[in-house]
N, C-alpha and C. Protein backbone atom coordinates (compact mmCIF):
# COMPACT_ATOMS: atom_id res chain seq x y z
N MET A 1 109.32 115.30 140.79
CA MET A 1 107.88 115.26 140.72
C MET A 1 107.47 115.16 139.25
N LEU A 2 106.47 114.33 138.98
CA LEU A 2 105.95 114.19 137.63
C LEU A 2 104.92 115.28 137.35
N THR A 3 104.96 115.80 136.15
CA THR A 3 103.96 116.77 135.72
C THR A 3 102.87 116.04 134.94
N TYR A 4 101.79 116.74 134.67
CA TYR A 4 100.73 116.17 133.85
C TYR A 4 101.27 115.76 132.48
N GLU A 5 102.12 116.60 131.91
CA GLU A 5 102.70 116.30 130.60
C GLU A 5 103.54 115.03 130.65
N ASP A 6 104.26 114.82 131.75
CA ASP A 6 105.03 113.59 131.93
C ASP A 6 104.11 112.38 131.93
N CYS A 7 103.02 112.49 132.64
CA CYS A 7 102.07 111.37 132.73
C CYS A 7 101.46 111.06 131.37
N VAL A 8 101.07 112.07 130.62
CA VAL A 8 100.51 111.85 129.29
C VAL A 8 101.58 111.24 128.38
N GLY A 9 102.80 111.72 128.49
CA GLY A 9 103.89 111.20 127.67
C GLY A 9 104.17 109.73 127.92
N MET A 10 103.88 109.27 129.11
CA MET A 10 104.13 107.87 129.45
C MET A 10 102.95 106.95 129.16
N CYS A 11 101.81 107.50 128.79
CA CYS A 11 100.62 106.65 128.66
C CYS A 11 100.32 106.23 127.22
N ASP A 12 101.16 106.57 126.27
CA ASP A 12 100.98 106.16 124.87
C ASP A 12 99.69 106.70 124.25
N LEU A 13 99.22 107.81 124.75
CA LEU A 13 98.05 108.49 124.18
C LEU A 13 98.41 109.96 123.99
N THR A 14 97.67 110.62 123.12
CA THR A 14 97.87 112.06 122.93
C THR A 14 97.06 112.83 123.97
N ASP A 15 97.36 114.11 124.11
CA ASP A 15 96.57 114.97 124.98
C ASP A 15 95.10 114.92 124.61
N GLU A 16 94.83 114.94 123.32
CA GLU A 16 93.45 114.96 122.84
C GLU A 16 92.72 113.65 123.15
N GLU A 17 93.44 112.54 123.07
CA GLU A 17 92.83 111.25 123.41
C GLU A 17 92.52 111.19 124.90
N VAL A 18 93.43 111.71 125.70
CA VAL A 18 93.19 111.78 127.15
C VAL A 18 92.01 112.70 127.43
N ASP A 19 91.94 113.83 126.72
CA ASP A 19 90.80 114.75 126.88
C ASP A 19 89.48 114.03 126.58
N ALA A 20 89.46 113.21 125.54
CA ALA A 20 88.24 112.49 125.16
C ALA A 20 87.83 111.52 126.26
N ILE A 21 88.79 110.84 126.85
CA ILE A 21 88.48 109.92 127.96
C ILE A 21 87.94 110.70 129.15
N ALA A 22 88.58 111.81 129.47
CA ALA A 22 88.13 112.65 130.59
C ALA A 22 86.71 113.15 130.36
N GLU A 23 86.44 113.60 129.14
CA GLU A 23 85.10 114.09 128.79
C GLU A 23 84.06 112.99 128.96
N HIS A 24 84.35 111.83 128.43
CA HIS A 24 83.41 110.71 128.46
C HIS A 24 83.15 110.22 129.88
N GLU A 25 84.20 110.12 130.67
CA GLU A 25 84.08 109.55 132.01
C GLU A 25 83.79 110.60 133.09
N HIS A 26 83.82 111.88 132.70
CA HIS A 26 83.58 112.98 133.65
C HIS A 26 84.58 112.92 134.81
N ILE A 27 85.86 112.81 134.44
CA ILE A 27 86.93 112.72 135.42
C ILE A 27 88.02 113.73 135.06
N PRO A 28 88.86 114.10 136.02
CA PRO A 28 89.96 115.00 135.71
C PRO A 28 90.93 114.37 134.70
N ASN A 29 91.60 115.21 133.95
CA ASN A 29 92.52 114.72 132.91
C ASN A 29 93.63 113.83 133.45
N ILE A 30 94.14 114.14 134.62
CA ILE A 30 95.22 113.32 135.18
C ILE A 30 94.72 111.91 135.47
N VAL A 31 93.49 111.79 135.91
CA VAL A 31 92.89 110.47 136.15
C VAL A 31 92.62 109.78 134.82
N ALA A 32 92.20 110.55 133.83
CA ALA A 32 91.96 110.00 132.49
C ALA A 32 93.25 109.48 131.88
N ALA A 33 94.37 110.14 132.15
CA ALA A 33 95.66 109.67 131.65
C ALA A 33 96.00 108.31 132.27
N GLU A 34 95.72 108.17 133.55
CA GLU A 34 95.96 106.89 134.22
C GLU A 34 95.04 105.81 133.67
N LEU A 35 93.76 106.13 133.51
CA LEU A 35 92.82 105.18 132.94
C LEU A 35 93.22 104.81 131.52
N GLY A 36 93.58 105.79 130.73
CA GLY A 36 94.01 105.55 129.35
C GLY A 36 95.24 104.66 129.30
N ASN A 37 96.18 104.89 130.21
CA ASN A 37 97.38 104.05 130.27
C ASN A 37 97.00 102.61 130.56
N TYR A 38 96.08 102.42 131.45
CA TYR A 38 95.62 101.07 131.76
C TYR A 38 94.95 100.44 130.53
N LEU A 39 94.02 101.17 129.92
CA LEU A 39 93.25 100.63 128.80
C LEU A 39 94.13 100.32 127.59
N ILE A 40 95.07 101.19 127.29
CA ILE A 40 95.88 101.03 126.08
C ILE A 40 96.73 99.76 126.15
N HIS A 41 96.98 99.26 127.36
CA HIS A 41 97.80 98.07 127.53
C HIS A 41 96.98 96.81 127.80
N GLU A 42 95.66 96.93 127.74
CA GLU A 42 94.77 95.78 127.91
C GLU A 42 94.26 95.34 126.54
N GLU A 43 94.03 94.06 126.39
CA GLU A 43 93.55 93.53 125.10
C GLU A 43 92.26 94.21 124.64
N SER A 44 91.35 94.41 125.55
CA SER A 44 90.07 95.02 125.18
C SER A 44 90.08 96.55 125.28
N GLY A 45 91.22 97.12 125.65
CA GLY A 45 91.29 98.55 125.90
C GLY A 45 91.21 99.42 124.66
N ILE A 46 91.87 99.00 123.58
CA ILE A 46 91.86 99.82 122.36
C ILE A 46 90.45 99.96 121.80
N PRO A 47 89.67 98.87 121.70
CA PRO A 47 88.28 99.06 121.26
C PRO A 47 87.47 99.92 122.23
N MET A 48 87.79 99.84 123.52
CA MET A 48 87.07 100.66 124.49
C MET A 48 87.37 102.15 124.29
N ILE A 49 88.62 102.48 124.05
CA ILE A 49 88.98 103.88 123.83
C ILE A 49 88.33 104.37 122.54
N ARG A 50 88.34 103.55 121.50
CA ARG A 50 87.67 103.91 120.25
C ARG A 50 86.19 104.20 120.50
N ARG A 51 85.54 103.35 121.28
CA ARG A 51 84.12 103.52 121.59
C ARG A 51 83.90 104.81 122.38
N ILE A 52 84.81 105.11 123.31
CA ILE A 52 84.72 106.35 124.09
C ILE A 52 84.74 107.56 123.16
N ILE A 53 85.66 107.55 122.21
CA ILE A 53 85.77 108.69 121.28
C ILE A 53 84.52 108.77 120.42
N LEU A 54 84.02 107.62 119.96
CA LEU A 54 82.78 107.61 119.15
C LEU A 54 81.60 108.14 119.97
N ASP A 55 81.51 107.76 121.23
CA ASP A 55 80.44 108.27 122.10
C ASP A 55 80.55 109.79 122.25
N ASP A 56 81.77 110.29 122.42
CA ASP A 56 81.97 111.74 122.54
C ASP A 56 81.55 112.45 121.27
N ILE A 57 81.85 111.85 120.12
CA ILE A 57 81.44 112.44 118.84
C ILE A 57 79.92 112.51 118.77
N GLU A 58 79.27 111.42 119.15
CA GLU A 58 77.80 111.39 119.12
C GLU A 58 77.20 112.46 120.03
N MET A 59 77.76 112.63 121.22
CA MET A 59 77.25 113.65 122.13
C MET A 59 77.47 115.06 121.59
N ALA A 60 78.62 115.30 121.00
CA ALA A 60 78.90 116.62 120.42
C ALA A 60 77.94 116.91 119.26
N GLU A 61 77.66 115.89 118.46
CA GLU A 61 76.70 116.05 117.35
C GLU A 61 75.31 116.37 117.89
N LYS A 62 74.90 115.67 118.94
CA LYS A 62 73.58 115.92 119.54
C LYS A 62 73.47 117.34 120.08
N ARG A 63 74.58 117.87 120.60
CA ARG A 63 74.59 119.25 121.12
C ARG A 63 74.67 120.28 120.00
N GLY A 64 74.96 119.81 118.79
CA GLY A 64 75.13 120.73 117.67
C GLY A 64 76.48 121.42 117.68
N ASP A 65 77.43 120.86 118.39
CA ASP A 65 78.77 121.45 118.51
C ASP A 65 79.64 120.93 117.36
N LYS A 66 79.52 121.59 116.22
CA LYS A 66 80.21 121.14 115.01
C LYS A 66 81.73 121.20 115.14
N GLU A 67 82.23 122.23 115.79
CA GLU A 67 83.68 122.37 115.94
C GLU A 67 84.25 121.22 116.79
N HIS A 68 83.60 120.94 117.90
CA HIS A 68 84.08 119.86 118.78
C HIS A 68 83.93 118.50 118.08
N THR A 69 82.86 118.34 117.33
CA THR A 69 82.66 117.10 116.56
C THR A 69 83.82 116.89 115.60
N LEU A 70 84.21 117.94 114.90
CA LEU A 70 85.33 117.84 113.96
C LEU A 70 86.63 117.49 114.68
N VAL A 71 86.88 118.15 115.81
CA VAL A 71 88.08 117.87 116.59
C VAL A 71 88.10 116.40 117.00
N LEU A 72 86.99 115.91 117.50
CA LEU A 72 86.92 114.52 117.95
C LEU A 72 87.07 113.54 116.79
N LYS A 73 86.55 113.88 115.63
CA LYS A 73 86.73 113.01 114.46
C LYS A 73 88.21 112.94 114.08
N LEU A 74 88.91 114.03 114.21
CA LEU A 74 90.35 114.02 113.95
C LEU A 74 91.09 113.20 115.01
N VAL A 75 90.64 113.30 116.25
CA VAL A 75 91.22 112.50 117.33
C VAL A 75 91.03 111.01 117.01
N LEU A 76 89.83 110.66 116.59
CA LEU A 76 89.54 109.26 116.24
C LEU A 76 90.40 108.80 115.07
N ARG A 77 90.52 109.63 114.07
CA ARG A 77 91.34 109.27 112.91
C ARG A 77 92.79 109.01 113.32
N TYR A 78 93.34 109.89 114.13
CA TYR A 78 94.72 109.74 114.59
C TYR A 78 94.86 108.48 115.45
N PHE A 79 93.88 108.25 116.32
CA PHE A 79 93.91 107.08 117.19
C PHE A 79 93.93 105.79 116.36
N VAL A 80 93.07 105.71 115.36
CA VAL A 80 93.00 104.52 114.51
C VAL A 80 94.29 104.35 113.70
N GLN A 81 94.87 105.45 113.24
CA GLN A 81 96.14 105.37 112.50
C GLN A 81 97.25 104.81 113.38
N ASN A 82 97.25 105.18 114.65
CA ASN A 82 98.32 104.74 115.55
C ASN A 82 98.03 103.43 116.26
N HIS A 83 96.80 102.99 116.20
CA HIS A 83 96.39 101.73 116.82
C HIS A 83 95.51 101.00 115.82
N PRO A 84 96.11 100.40 114.80
CA PRO A 84 95.35 99.80 113.69
C PRO A 84 94.30 98.78 114.11
N SER A 85 94.48 98.14 115.24
CA SER A 85 93.46 97.18 115.67
C SER A 85 92.13 97.88 115.97
N ALA A 86 92.15 99.17 116.22
CA ALA A 86 90.91 99.92 116.46
C ALA A 86 90.05 99.98 115.21
N ALA A 87 90.68 99.95 114.04
CA ALA A 87 89.93 100.03 112.79
C ALA A 87 89.12 98.76 112.53
N SER A 88 89.58 97.64 113.03
CA SER A 88 88.90 96.38 112.79
C SER A 88 87.72 96.15 113.72
N ASN A 89 87.49 97.09 114.62
CA ASN A 89 86.40 96.97 115.59
C ASN A 89 85.31 97.97 115.26
N ALA A 90 84.78 97.89 114.07
CA ALA A 90 83.78 98.87 113.63
C ALA A 90 82.54 98.80 114.50
N ALA A 91 82.01 99.99 114.76
CA ALA A 91 80.79 100.08 115.58
C ALA A 91 79.60 100.29 114.69
């Protein structure tokens, strides 16, 4: 049987990136891991994941949640470092 950790390990995303997708889409993390796996392997998926993280940052800022905003900014930084094509899709 596969565990959640197995699924995240196979989707080429970090736990935090999966968390960001789950937060944005209002879905369970296991479903977000599946969605993330699909997106990361699609041509338009990397910019979509970047946009998801940016949207989450914007929502955290609007709520005044400085700690979560910082966490999400670090998630975005790591995502762009590991997926350089995300940097060329500035919003």
